[in-house]
Protein backbone atom coordinates (compact mmCIF):
# COMPACT_ATOMS: atom_id res chain seq x y z
CA MET A 1 11.34 33.97 8.30
CA GLU A 2 11.58 31.81 5.29
CA GLU A 3 14.92 30.10 4.99
CA ASN A 4 15.85 28.39 1.96
CA THR A 5 16.72 24.89 1.74
CA TYR A 6 20.37 23.31 2.60
CA PRO A 7 20.92 22.05 -1.30
CA GLN A 8 20.06 25.89 -1.90
CA LYS A 9 22.98 27.28 0.70
CA LEU A 10 25.50 24.78 -0.72
CA VAL A 11 24.87 25.87 -4.15
CA ALA A 12 25.14 29.55 -3.08
CA GLU A 13 28.37 29.11 -1.19
CA THR A 14 29.85 27.01 -3.95
CA LEU A 15 28.72 29.86 -6.56
CA GLY A 16 30.42 32.38 -3.71
CA THR A 17 33.42 30.94 -3.25
CA ALA A 18 34.08 30.02 -7.30
CA MET A 19 33.34 34.16 -7.98
CA LEU A 20 35.91 35.48 -4.82
CA VAL A 21 38.75 33.41 -6.36
CA PHE A 22 38.04 33.98 -9.59
CA ILE A 23 37.89 38.11 -9.39
CA GLY A 24 39.82 38.44 -6.07
CA VAL A 25 42.64 35.70 -7.29
CA GLY A 26 42.07 36.15 -10.88
CA SER A 27 43.42 39.91 -10.39
CA VAL A 28 46.93 38.77 -9.40
CA PRO A 29 47.74 36.96 -12.54
CA ALA A 30 45.93 39.38 -14.72
CA THR A 31 47.92 42.10 -12.80
CA LEU A 32 50.99 40.46 -13.45
CA ILE A 33 50.79 39.46 -17.30
CA VAL A 34 49.02 43.18 -17.93
CA ASN A 35 52.44 44.48 -16.08
CA GLY A 36 54.17 42.31 -17.93
CA LYS A 37 57.97 43.18 -17.01
CA ALA A 38 57.16 46.47 -15.09
CA PRO A 39 57.95 45.34 -11.38
CA PHE A 40 55.17 44.51 -8.74
CA THR A 41 54.10 47.97 -6.77
CA PHE A 42 52.53 48.67 -3.56
CA ALA A 43 49.97 50.01 -6.22
CA ASP A 44 49.27 46.54 -7.89
CA LEU A 45 48.59 45.21 -4.44
CA GLY A 46 46.49 48.04 -4.15
CA MET A 47 44.49 47.05 -6.89
CA ILE A 48 44.47 43.45 -6.14
CA SER A 49 43.06 44.32 -2.35
CA LEU A 50 39.85 46.42 -4.17
CA ALA A 51 39.21 43.23 -6.33
CA PHE A 52 38.80 40.79 -3.71
CA ALA A 53 37.38 43.60 -1.64
CA THR A 54 34.70 44.51 -4.14
CA VAL A 55 33.68 40.53 -4.89
CA VAL A 56 33.34 40.01 -1.46
CA ILE A 57 30.83 43.08 -0.83
CA ALA A 58 29.04 41.66 -4.09
CA MET A 59 28.53 38.38 -2.48
CA ILE A 60 27.61 39.39 0.83
CA TYR A 61 25.07 41.20 -1.11
CA ALA A 62 23.40 38.76 -3.44
CA ILE A 63 23.95 35.25 -1.20
CA GLY A 64 23.88 36.43 2.37
CA HIS A 65 20.37 35.80 2.85
CA VAL A 66 20.57 32.44 1.35
CA SER A 67 23.71 31.04 2.65
CA GLY A 68 25.22 33.69 5.06
CA CYS A 69 28.09 34.17 2.21
CA GLN A 70 30.72 32.77 4.30
CA ILE A 71 32.73 31.31 1.47
CA ASN A 72 35.47 30.81 3.46
CA PRO A 73 35.91 27.34 5.79
CA ALA A 74 37.79 29.20 8.70
CA ILE A 75 34.57 31.68 8.86
CA THR A 76 32.29 28.45 8.97
CA LEU A 77 34.46 27.06 11.49
CA ALA A 78 34.61 30.13 13.71
CA LEU A 79 30.87 30.55 13.46
CA ALA A 80 29.93 26.66 14.44
CA ALA A 81 32.61 26.64 17.40
CA THR A 82 30.71 29.71 18.82
CA ARG A 83 27.18 28.10 17.58
CA LYS A 84 26.13 30.84 15.70
CA ILE A 85 25.30 27.82 13.10
CA PRO A 86 25.00 24.20 13.87
CA TRP A 87 27.72 21.53 13.36
CA ARG A 88 25.84 19.73 11.03
CA ASP A 89 26.00 22.27 9.07
CA VAL A 90 29.77 22.14 8.31
CA PRO A 91 30.88 19.49 6.41
CA GLY A 92 28.63 20.71 3.35
CA TYR A 93 29.54 24.35 3.60
CA LEU A 94 33.17 23.15 3.53
CA ALA A 95 33.05 21.20 0.74
CA ALA A 96 30.73 23.58 -1.10
CA GLN A 97 33.39 26.28 -0.75
CA VAL A 98 36.75 24.11 -2.03
CA VAL A 99 34.42 23.20 -4.79
CA GLY A 100 33.62 26.65 -5.43
CA ALA A 101 37.52 27.94 -5.00
CA VAL A 102 38.16 24.93 -7.70
CA LEU A 103 35.66 26.05 -10.32
CA GLY A 104 36.56 29.76 -9.90
CA ALA A 105 40.85 28.72 -10.16
CA LEU A 106 39.87 26.81 -13.55
CA ALA A 107 37.84 29.88 -14.83
CA ILE A 108 40.81 31.98 -14.32
CA ILE A 109 42.61 29.67 -16.43
CA GLY A 110 39.28 29.60 -18.76
CA VAL A 111 39.77 33.58 -19.07
CA LEU A 112 43.39 34.41 -19.27
CA GLY A 113 44.83 31.24 -20.90
CA ARG A 114 47.73 28.94 -19.65
CA GLN A 115 49.73 32.12 -19.25
CA ALA A 116 47.63 32.80 -15.83
CA VAL A 117 49.35 29.43 -14.84
CA THR A 118 52.45 31.06 -16.18
CA VAL A 119 53.07 33.88 -13.71
CA GLY A 120 52.10 31.58 -10.68
CA LEU A 121 47.95 31.47 -11.12
CA GLY A 122 47.51 34.00 -7.79
CA ILE A 123 48.37 30.66 -5.71
CA ALA A 124 49.06 31.95 -1.71
CA SER A 125 52.75 31.06 -0.74
CA TYR A 126 55.59 32.63 1.31
CA GLY A 127 58.96 32.85 0.25
CA PRO A 128 62.03 32.14 1.56
CA GLN A 129 62.76 35.45 3.21
CA VAL A 130 59.20 34.43 5.14
CA GLY A 131 59.36 31.41 7.64
CA ALA A 132 57.07 29.08 8.75
CA GLY A 133 56.37 30.74 12.18
CA GLN A 134 56.13 34.42 10.62
CA ALA A 135 53.75 32.96 8.12
CA PHE A 136 51.61 31.31 10.55
CA PHE A 137 51.10 34.58 12.89
CA ALA A 138 50.46 36.88 9.61
CA GLU A 139 47.66 34.45 8.64
CA ALA A 140 46.56 33.96 12.55
CA VAL A 141 45.95 37.76 12.61
CA GLY A 142 44.71 38.77 9.17
CA THR A 143 42.16 36.03 9.46
CA ALA A 144 41.33 36.94 13.06
CA VAL A 145 40.90 40.65 12.31
CA LEU A 146 38.47 39.54 9.59
CA ALA A 147 36.83 37.27 12.04
CA PHE A 148 36.36 39.90 14.24
CA VAL A 149 34.77 42.31 11.78
CA VAL A 150 32.50 39.69 10.56
CA PHE A 151 30.85 38.92 14.58
CA GLY A 152 30.69 42.63 14.74
CA ALA A 153 28.92 43.03 11.34
CA ILE A 154 26.27 40.51 12.18
CA ASP A 155 25.89 40.88 15.60
CA ARG A 156 22.06 42.06 16.07
CA ARG A 157 23.32 45.24 17.78
CA SER A 158 25.17 46.48 14.39
CA ALA A 159 24.07 49.28 12.16
CA GLY A 160 21.70 47.54 9.45
CA GLY A 161 22.59 47.26 6.36
CA PHE A 162 26.39 47.71 6.46
CA ALA A 163 27.92 44.07 6.81
CA GLY A 164 28.90 43.81 3.39
CA LEU A 165 30.84 46.97 3.16
CA ALA A 166 32.32 46.58 6.44
CA ILE A 167 33.60 43.17 6.04
CA GLY A 168 34.58 43.92 2.48
CA LEU A 169 36.71 46.73 3.68
CA ALA A 170 38.61 44.65 6.60
CA VAL A 171 39.30 42.36 3.70
CA PHE A 172 41.08 45.49 1.78
CA ALA A 173 42.93 46.29 4.73
CA VAL A 174 44.10 43.27 5.99
CA ILE A 175 45.81 42.52 2.33
CA MET A 176 47.43 45.38 2.08
CA VAL A 177 49.40 44.59 5.58
CA VAL A 178 49.67 40.90 4.97
CA GLY A 179 49.64 40.33 1.65
CA PRO A 180 54.00 41.23 0.86
CA ALA A 181 54.43 38.29 3.47
CA THR A 182 51.79 35.36 2.78
CA SER A 183 49.44 36.57 -0.01
CA ALA A 184 47.13 37.41 2.52
CA ALA A 185 45.12 34.27 2.22
CA VAL A 186 43.22 34.50 5.12
CA ASN A 187 40.67 31.35 3.73
CA PRO A 188 41.59 27.89 3.29
CA ALA A 189 39.41 27.51 0.36
CA ARG A 190 41.25 30.03 -1.12
CA VAL A 191 44.58 28.35 -0.92
CA VAL A 192 43.45 24.92 -1.61
CA GLY A 193 41.57 25.58 -5.13
CA PRO A 194 44.25 27.23 -6.81
CA MET A 195 46.70 24.89 -5.82
CA LEU A 196 44.55 21.82 -7.05
CA VAL A 197 44.14 23.90 -10.00
CA GLY A 198 47.96 24.93 -10.28
CA GLN A 199 49.32 21.16 -9.68
CA LEU A 200 46.63 19.71 -12.46
CA PHE A 201 48.13 22.37 -14.95
CA ASN A 202 51.92 21.51 -13.53
CA GLY A 203 52.37 25.00 -12.57
CA THR A 204 54.40 25.84 -9.10
CA VAL A 205 52.63 24.79 -5.99
CA HIS A 206 54.13 24.82 -2.53
CA TRP A 207 52.14 21.95 -0.96
CA SER A 208 54.50 21.72 2.37
CA GLN A 209 53.10 25.62 2.96
CA LEU A 210 49.38 24.28 3.23
CA PRO A 211 49.35 22.95 6.68
CA VAL A 212 50.59 26.84 7.97
CA TYR A 213 47.99 28.42 5.90
CA VAL A 214 44.65 26.14 6.86
CA ILE A 215 45.70 26.14 10.40
CA GLY A 216 46.76 29.63 11.35
CA ASP A 217 43.52 30.86 9.12
CA VAL A 218 41.43 28.41 11.45
CA VAL A 219 43.05 29.20 14.91
CA GLY A 220 42.93 32.95 13.65
CA ALA A 221 39.61 32.78 13.40
CA VAL A 222 38.05 31.02 15.88
CA ALA A 223 39.88 32.63 18.52
CA ALA A 224 38.79 36.20 16.98
CA GLY A 225 35.12 35.03 17.58
CA PHE A 226 35.47 33.88 20.99
CA LEU A 227 36.90 36.84 21.78
CA TYR A 228 34.09 38.85 20.45
CA GLY A 229 32.17 36.52 22.86
CA ALA A 230 33.87 37.62 25.63
CA LEU A 231 33.24 40.83 24.99
CA ASN A 232 29.59 40.75 24.80
CA ALA A 233 29.36 37.99 27.53
CA ARG A 234 27.82 40.39 30.01
CA ARG A 235 25.02 42.46 27.80
CA GLY A 236 21.53 41.78 28.63
CA VAL A 237 20.03 39.02 26.59
CA THR A 238 16.37 38.97 25.16
CA ALA A 239 14.28 36.62 24.70
CA ALA A 240 14.91 36.22 20.86
CA GLU A 241 18.49 35.42 21.65
CA THR A 242 18.01 32.90 24.09
CA THR A 243 16.81 30.37 21.21
CA ASN A 244 20.49 29.66 19.98
CA GLU A 245 18.71 29.63 16.20
CA PRO A 246 21.64 29.97 13.25
CA VAL A 247 22.36 33.98 12.16
CA VAL A 248 20.64 34.16 8.71
CA ALA A 249 22.40 37.58 8.20
CA ALA A 250 24.96 38.33 6.26
CA GLU A 251 27.97 36.12 7.56
CA GLY A 252 30.54 37.40 5.23
CA ALA A 253 34.12 35.99 5.12
CA LEU A 254 36.66 36.24 2.44
CA SER A 255 39.34 36.58 0.95
């Protein structure tokens, strides 16, 4: 099977993450702007979750065959830790994802204007009623659920052609539950990009919360990857699977 070049993969990851942030994260300030003084409701959260799910599904089918559409540093690290992708590819992927997240956040301001910053730019944060421990647990569990679905969806034995839908629906479900606690980042790039742009435009940024998101997301994703591997450790291995070649199917991520 012909494979895209490494630079092509990095460009795809940059574009995919930019789209994730522009559509997914951008749906947050868009909702708040449209609502005006109206209270934020569970229905609003549902529409935001749908925006994230939709863009993840779209990107998996658009660039999954190019870069794997990981668009999430936690997923990338989990895939590397479980030997699904080589470690040498990780630094470039992480850099591309962060750059994409920054571009996506800038695009939000370009479309919605400074008002997007005024209403928070969709920057992930947890309030004073949610402690750091609770936030860490919420992010770890949410990312673990997402990563577990990713590993199952890219398994060679799974139903072909449905990885994008499965991963997108997992994103939707996770945000609906974890969103009220931590904004359901479940993706370090999705956190870092809007934070950097928010800081640039004098928005409110809680940098002290960043380690909780980054560490929680990575721990959750890696743990889920090893858990999925443990569940399949006893199955028979075919000759094709002993090559340890990187997975080239859609390895989507998300939120």
